[in-house]
Amino acid sequence: MRSFTVLLVLLPSLARAVDLEALERRFYEDWKNKRLTAVEQNLSSDSIAWGEWGIFSKQQQVESQRRSNAVCEVRSYRFSEIKTIPVNKGAILFTYRLEQDAQCGGGAAPSPIRISTLYVKRNGKWQAIYRASTGIKG
């Protein structure tokens, strides 16, 4: 019973100690600045993502970002309704609402959308292993 109690006390502080919002913002800053650094470095090698366009491996996410960089202009983005949910000492779920002002191939990028990213700590580094996004209607 003691180990369970200690875990409950430690998990909220773990979520505060790790700045997942900064990690997540790197994906959007890279998109805005037409870089691939975040998807190459912050996704785990076995990561998957899903959304309205399908399910993607890490390599497919990198290629998708490369294509998006060529056809999209990102003016701004904003996170809100951020929630951080510790899963265990090596995993944290980060969820939020994203509003973005971006044009891709002549049309507006979906906005607003909800995003969830599961971060895991491997070899001392937090990496995204799972990302999901969906548009919000209404």
C-alpha atoms as a PDB file:
ATOM      1  CA  MET A   1       0.000   0.000   0.000  1.00  0.00           C
ATOM      2  CA  ARG A   2       2.860   2.408   0.696  1.00  0.00           C
ATOM      3  CA  SER A   3       4.298   2.200  -2.826  1.00  0.00           C
ATOM      4  CA  PHE A   4       0.883   3.017  -4.283  1.00  0.00           C
ATOM      5  CA  THR A   5       0.537   6.066  -2.031  1.00  0.00           C
ATOM      6  CA  VAL A   6       4.016   7.306  -2.912  1.00  0.00           C
ATOM      7  CA  LEU A   7       3.288   6.890  -6.631  1.00  0.00           C
ATOM      8  CA  LEU A   8       0.139   9.007  -6.344  1.00  0.00           C
ATOM      9  CA  VAL A   9       2.112  11.748  -4.630  1.00  0.00           C
ATOM     10  CA  LEU A  10       5.000  11.668  -7.130  1.00  0.00           C
ATOM     11  CA  LEU A  11       3.049  11.572 -10.414  1.00  0.00           C
ATOM     12  CA  PRO A  12       1.565  15.097 -10.257  1.00  0.00           C
ATOM     13  CA  SER A  13       4.997  16.550  -9.494  1.00  0.00           C
ATOM     14  CA  LEU A  14       6.443  14.615 -12.436  1.00  0.00           C
ATOM     15  CA  ALA A  15       3.912  16.235 -14.760  1.00  0.00           C
ATOM     16  CA  ARG A  16       4.888  19.677 -13.448  1.00  0.00           C
ATOM     17  CA  ALA A  17       8.618  18.969 -13.743  1.00  0.00           C
ATOM     18  CA  VAL A  18       8.443  18.027 -17.431  1.00  0.00           C
ATOM     19  CA  ASP A  19       7.586  20.916 -19.733  1.00  0.00           C
ATOM     20  CA  LEU A  20       5.563  18.975 -22.285  1.00  0.00           C
ATOM     21  CA  GLU A  21       4.001  22.123 -23.672  1.00  0.00           C
ATOM     22  CA  ALA A  22       7.465  23.267 -24.778  1.00  0.00           C
ATOM     23  CA  LEU A  23       8.125  19.886 -26.393  1.00  0.00           C
ATOM     24  CA  GLU A  24       4.783  19.980 -28.173  1.00  0.00           C
ATOM     25  CA  ARG A  25       5.258  23.572 -29.351  1.00  0.00           C
ATOM     26  CA  ARG A  26       8.439  22.487 -31.132  1.00  0.00           C
ATOM     27  CA  PHE A  27       6.297  20.563 -33.628  1.00  0.00           C
ATOM     28  CA  TYR A  28       4.386  23.736 -34.518  1.00  0.00           C
ATOM     29  CA  GLU A  29       7.391  26.034 -34.493  1.00  0.00           C
ATOM     30  CA  ASP A  30       9.115  23.647 -36.891  1.00  0.00           C
ATOM     31  CA  TRP A  31       6.044  23.560 -39.136  1.00  0.00           C
ATOM     32  CA  LYS A  32       5.854  27.358 -39.084  1.00  0.00           C
ATOM     33  CA  ASN A  33       9.586  27.641 -39.842  1.00  0.00           C
ATOM     34  CA  LYS A  34       9.690  24.751 -42.347  1.00  0.00           C
ATOM     35  CA  ARG A  35      12.028  22.530 -40.332  1.00  0.00           C
ATOM     36  CA  LEU A  36      11.947  18.802 -39.595  1.00  0.00           C
ATOM     37  CA  THR A  37      13.925  18.798 -36.340  1.00  0.00           C
ATOM     38  CA  ALA A  38      11.020  18.092 -33.948  1.00  0.00           C
ATOM     39  CA  VAL A  39       9.559  15.189 -35.912  1.00  0.00           C
ATOM     40  CA  GLU A  40      13.010  13.704 -36.424  1.00  0.00           C
ATOM     41  CA  GLN A  41      14.194  14.125 -32.824  1.00  0.00           C
ATOM     42  CA  ASN A  42      11.081  14.198 -30.618  1.00  0.00           C
ATOM     43  CA  LEU A  43       9.189  11.220 -32.028  1.00  0.00           C
ATOM     44  CA  SER A  44      10.234   7.790 -30.791  1.00  0.00           C
ATOM     45  CA  SER A  45      11.408   5.396 -33.502  1.00  0.00           C
ATOM     46  CA  ASP A  46       8.255   3.301 -32.971  1.00  0.00           C
ATOM     47  CA  SER A  47       5.833   6.221 -32.762  1.00  0.00           C
ATOM     48  CA  ILE A  48       2.478   6.267 -34.508  1.00  0.00           C
ATOM     49  CA  ALA A  49       0.069   9.078 -35.223  1.00  0.00           C
ATOM     50  CA  TRP A  50      -3.485   9.057 -36.459  1.00  0.00           C
ATOM     51  CA  GLY A  51      -5.930  11.644 -37.679  1.00  0.00           C
ATOM     52  CA  GLU A  52      -8.333  12.310 -40.503  1.00  0.00           C
ATOM     53  CA  TRP A  53      -5.655  11.419 -43.092  1.00  0.00           C
ATOM     54  CA  GLY A  54      -4.822   7.992 -41.671  1.00  0.00           C
ATOM     55  CA  ILE A  55      -2.318   6.237 -39.427  1.00  0.00           C
ATOM     56  CA  PHE A  56       1.375   7.080 -39.782  1.00  0.00           C
ATOM     57  CA  SER A  57       4.694   5.627 -38.637  1.00  0.00           C
ATOM     58  CA  LYS A  58       7.543   7.928 -37.662  1.00  0.00           C
ATOM     59  CA  GLN A  59       9.018   7.831 -41.174  1.00  0.00           C
ATOM     60  CA  GLN A  60       5.611   8.622 -42.682  1.00  0.00           C
ATOM     61  CA  GLN A  61       5.223  11.522 -40.224  1.00  0.00           C
ATOM     62  CA  VAL A  62       8.597  12.915 -41.294  1.00  0.00           C
ATOM     63  CA  GLU A  63       7.642  12.637 -44.983  1.00  0.00           C
ATOM     64  CA  SER A  64       4.235  14.197 -44.319  1.00  0.00           C
ATOM     65  CA  GLN A  65       5.921  17.103 -42.535  1.00  0.00           C
ATOM     66  CA  ARG A  66       8.347  17.535 -45.444  1.00  0.00           C
ATOM     67  CA  ARG A  67       5.424  17.749 -47.919  1.00  0.00           C
ATOM     68  CA  SER A  68       3.491  20.057 -45.617  1.00  0.00           C
ATOM     69  CA  ASN A  69       6.486  22.375 -45.269  1.00  0.00           C
ATOM     70  CA  ALA A  70       6.482  22.790 -49.045  1.00  0.00           C
ATOM     71  CA  VAL A  71       2.809  23.803 -49.374  1.00  0.00           C
ATOM     72  CA  CYS A  72       1.808  25.383 -46.046  1.00  0.00           C
ATOM     73  CA  GLU A  73       2.199  28.874 -44.618  1.00  0.00           C
ATOM     74  CA  VAL A  74       1.606  29.040 -40.864  1.00  0.00           C
ATOM     75  CA  ARG A  75       0.809  32.474 -39.517  1.00  0.00           C
ATOM     76  CA  SER A  76      -0.051  31.568 -35.933  1.00  0.00           C
ATOM     77  CA  TYR A  77      -1.233  28.863 -33.578  1.00  0.00           C
ATOM     78  CA  ARG A  78      -2.543  28.804 -30.025  1.00  0.00           C
ATOM     79  CA  PHE A  79      -2.832  26.079 -27.387  1.00  0.00           C
ATOM     80  CA  SER A  80      -5.674  26.099 -24.863  1.00  0.00           C
ATOM     81  CA  GLU A  81      -7.498  23.673 -22.569  1.00  0.00           C
ATOM     82  CA  ILE A  82      -4.207  21.963 -21.763  1.00  0.00           C
ATOM     83  CA  LYS A  83      -4.372  18.863 -19.602  1.00  0.00           C
ATOM     84  CA  THR A  84      -1.443  16.776 -18.413  1.00  0.00           C
ATOM     85  CA  ILE A  85      -2.226  13.293 -17.143  1.00  0.00           C
ATOM     86  CA  PRO A  86       0.576  11.232 -15.588  1.00  0.00           C
ATOM     87  CA  VAL A  87       0.198   7.574 -16.571  1.00  0.00           C
ATOM     88  CA  ASN A  88       3.197   6.281 -14.624  1.00  0.00           C
ATOM     89  CA  LYS A  89       6.702   7.537 -13.809  1.00  0.00           C
ATOM     90  CA  GLY A  90       7.782   7.014 -17.424  1.00  0.00           C
ATOM     91  CA  ALA A  91       4.686   8.131 -19.354  1.00  0.00           C
ATOM     92  CA  ILE A  92       2.559  11.289 -19.482  1.00  0.00           C
ATOM     93  CA  LEU A  93      -0.469  12.061 -21.650  1.00  0.00           C
ATOM     94  CA  PHE A  94      -0.622  15.663 -22.892  1.00  0.00           C
ATOM     95  CA  THR A  95      -3.912  16.893 -24.398  1.00  0.00           C
ATOM     96  CA  TYR A  96      -4.976  20.277 -25.696  1.00  0.00           C
ATOM     97  CA  ARG A  97      -7.090  22.288 -28.104  1.00  0.00           C
ATOM     98  CA  LEU A  98      -5.231  23.916 -30.994  1.00  0.00           C
ATOM     99  CA  GLU A  99      -6.364  26.893 -33.023  1.00  0.00           C
ATOM    100  CA  GLN A 100      -4.218  27.585 -36.051  1.00  0.00           C
ATOM    101  CA  ASP A 101      -4.121  30.131 -38.819  1.00  0.00           C
ATOM    102  CA  ALA A 102      -2.446  28.264 -41.661  1.00  0.00           C
ATOM    103  CA  GLN A 103      -2.961  27.908 -45.403  1.00  0.00           C
ATOM    104  CA  CYS A 104      -2.026  24.671 -47.151  1.00  0.00           C
ATOM    105  CA  GLY A 105      -2.272  24.292 -50.904  1.00  0.00           C
ATOM    106  CA  GLY A 106      -4.702  27.192 -51.190  1.00  0.00           C
ATOM    107  CA  GLY A 107      -7.051  26.111 -48.395  1.00  0.00           C
ATOM    108  CA  ALA A 108      -7.224  26.699 -44.681  1.00  0.00           C
ATOM    109  CA  ALA A 109      -5.753  24.073 -42.368  1.00  0.00           C
ATOM    110  CA  PRO A 110      -8.378  22.558 -40.043  1.00  0.00           C
ATOM    111  CA  SER A 111      -9.044  24.621 -36.937  1.00  0.00           C
ATOM    112  CA  PRO A 112      -9.804  24.138 -34.130  1.00  0.00           C
ATOM    113  CA  ILE A 113      -8.556  20.614 -33.461  1.00  0.00           C
ATOM    114  CA  ARG A 114      -7.995  18.441 -30.391  1.00  0.00           C
ATOM    115  CA  ILE A 115      -4.655  16.735 -29.984  1.00  0.00           C
ATOM    116  CA  SER A 116      -3.404  14.081 -27.578  1.00  0.00           C
ATOM    117  CA  THR A 117       0.226  13.069 -27.344  1.00  0.00           C
ATOM    118  CA  LEU A 118       1.556  10.259 -25.181  1.00  0.00           C
ATOM    119  CA  TYR A 119       5.117  10.966 -24.078  1.00  0.00           C
ATOM    120  CA  VAL A 120       7.410   8.236 -22.759  1.00  0.00           C
ATOM    121  CA  LYS A 121      10.809   8.624 -21.155  1.00  0.00           C
ATOM    122  CA  ARG A 122      13.504   6.513 -22.797  1.00  0.00           C
ATOM    123  CA  ASN A 123      17.228   6.811 -22.199  1.00  0.00           C
ATOM    124  CA  GLY A 124      16.634   9.973 -20.166  1.00  0.00           C
ATOM    125  CA  LYS A 125      14.686  11.745 -22.929  1.00  0.00           C
ATOM    126  CA  TRP A 126      10.959  12.410 -23.277  1.00  0.00           C
ATOM    127  CA  GLN A 127       9.659  11.377 -26.708  1.00  0.00           C
ATOM    128  CA  ALA A 128       6.236  11.252 -28.339  1.00  0.00           C
ATOM    129  CA  ILE A 129       5.234   7.645 -28.948  1.00  0.00           C
ATOM    130  CA  TYR A 130       1.584   8.253 -29.875  1.00  0.00           C
ATOM    131  CA  ARG A 131      -0.182  11.307 -31.322  1.00  0.00           C
ATOM    132  CA  ALA A 132      -3.825  11.660 -32.260  1.00  0.00           C
ATOM    133  CA  SER A 133      -5.735  14.617 -33.660  1.00  0.00           C
ATOM    134  CA  THR A 134      -9.277  15.310 -34.726  1.00  0.00           C
ATOM    135  CA  GLY A 135     -11.159  18.360 -35.923  1.00  0.00           C
ATOM    136  CA  ILE A 136     -13.728  20.020 -33.684  1.00  0.00           C
ATOM    137  CA  LYS A 137     -17.067  20.860 -35.268  1.00  0.00           C
ATOM    138  CA  GLY A 138     -19.263  23.689 -34.199  1.00  0.00           C
END
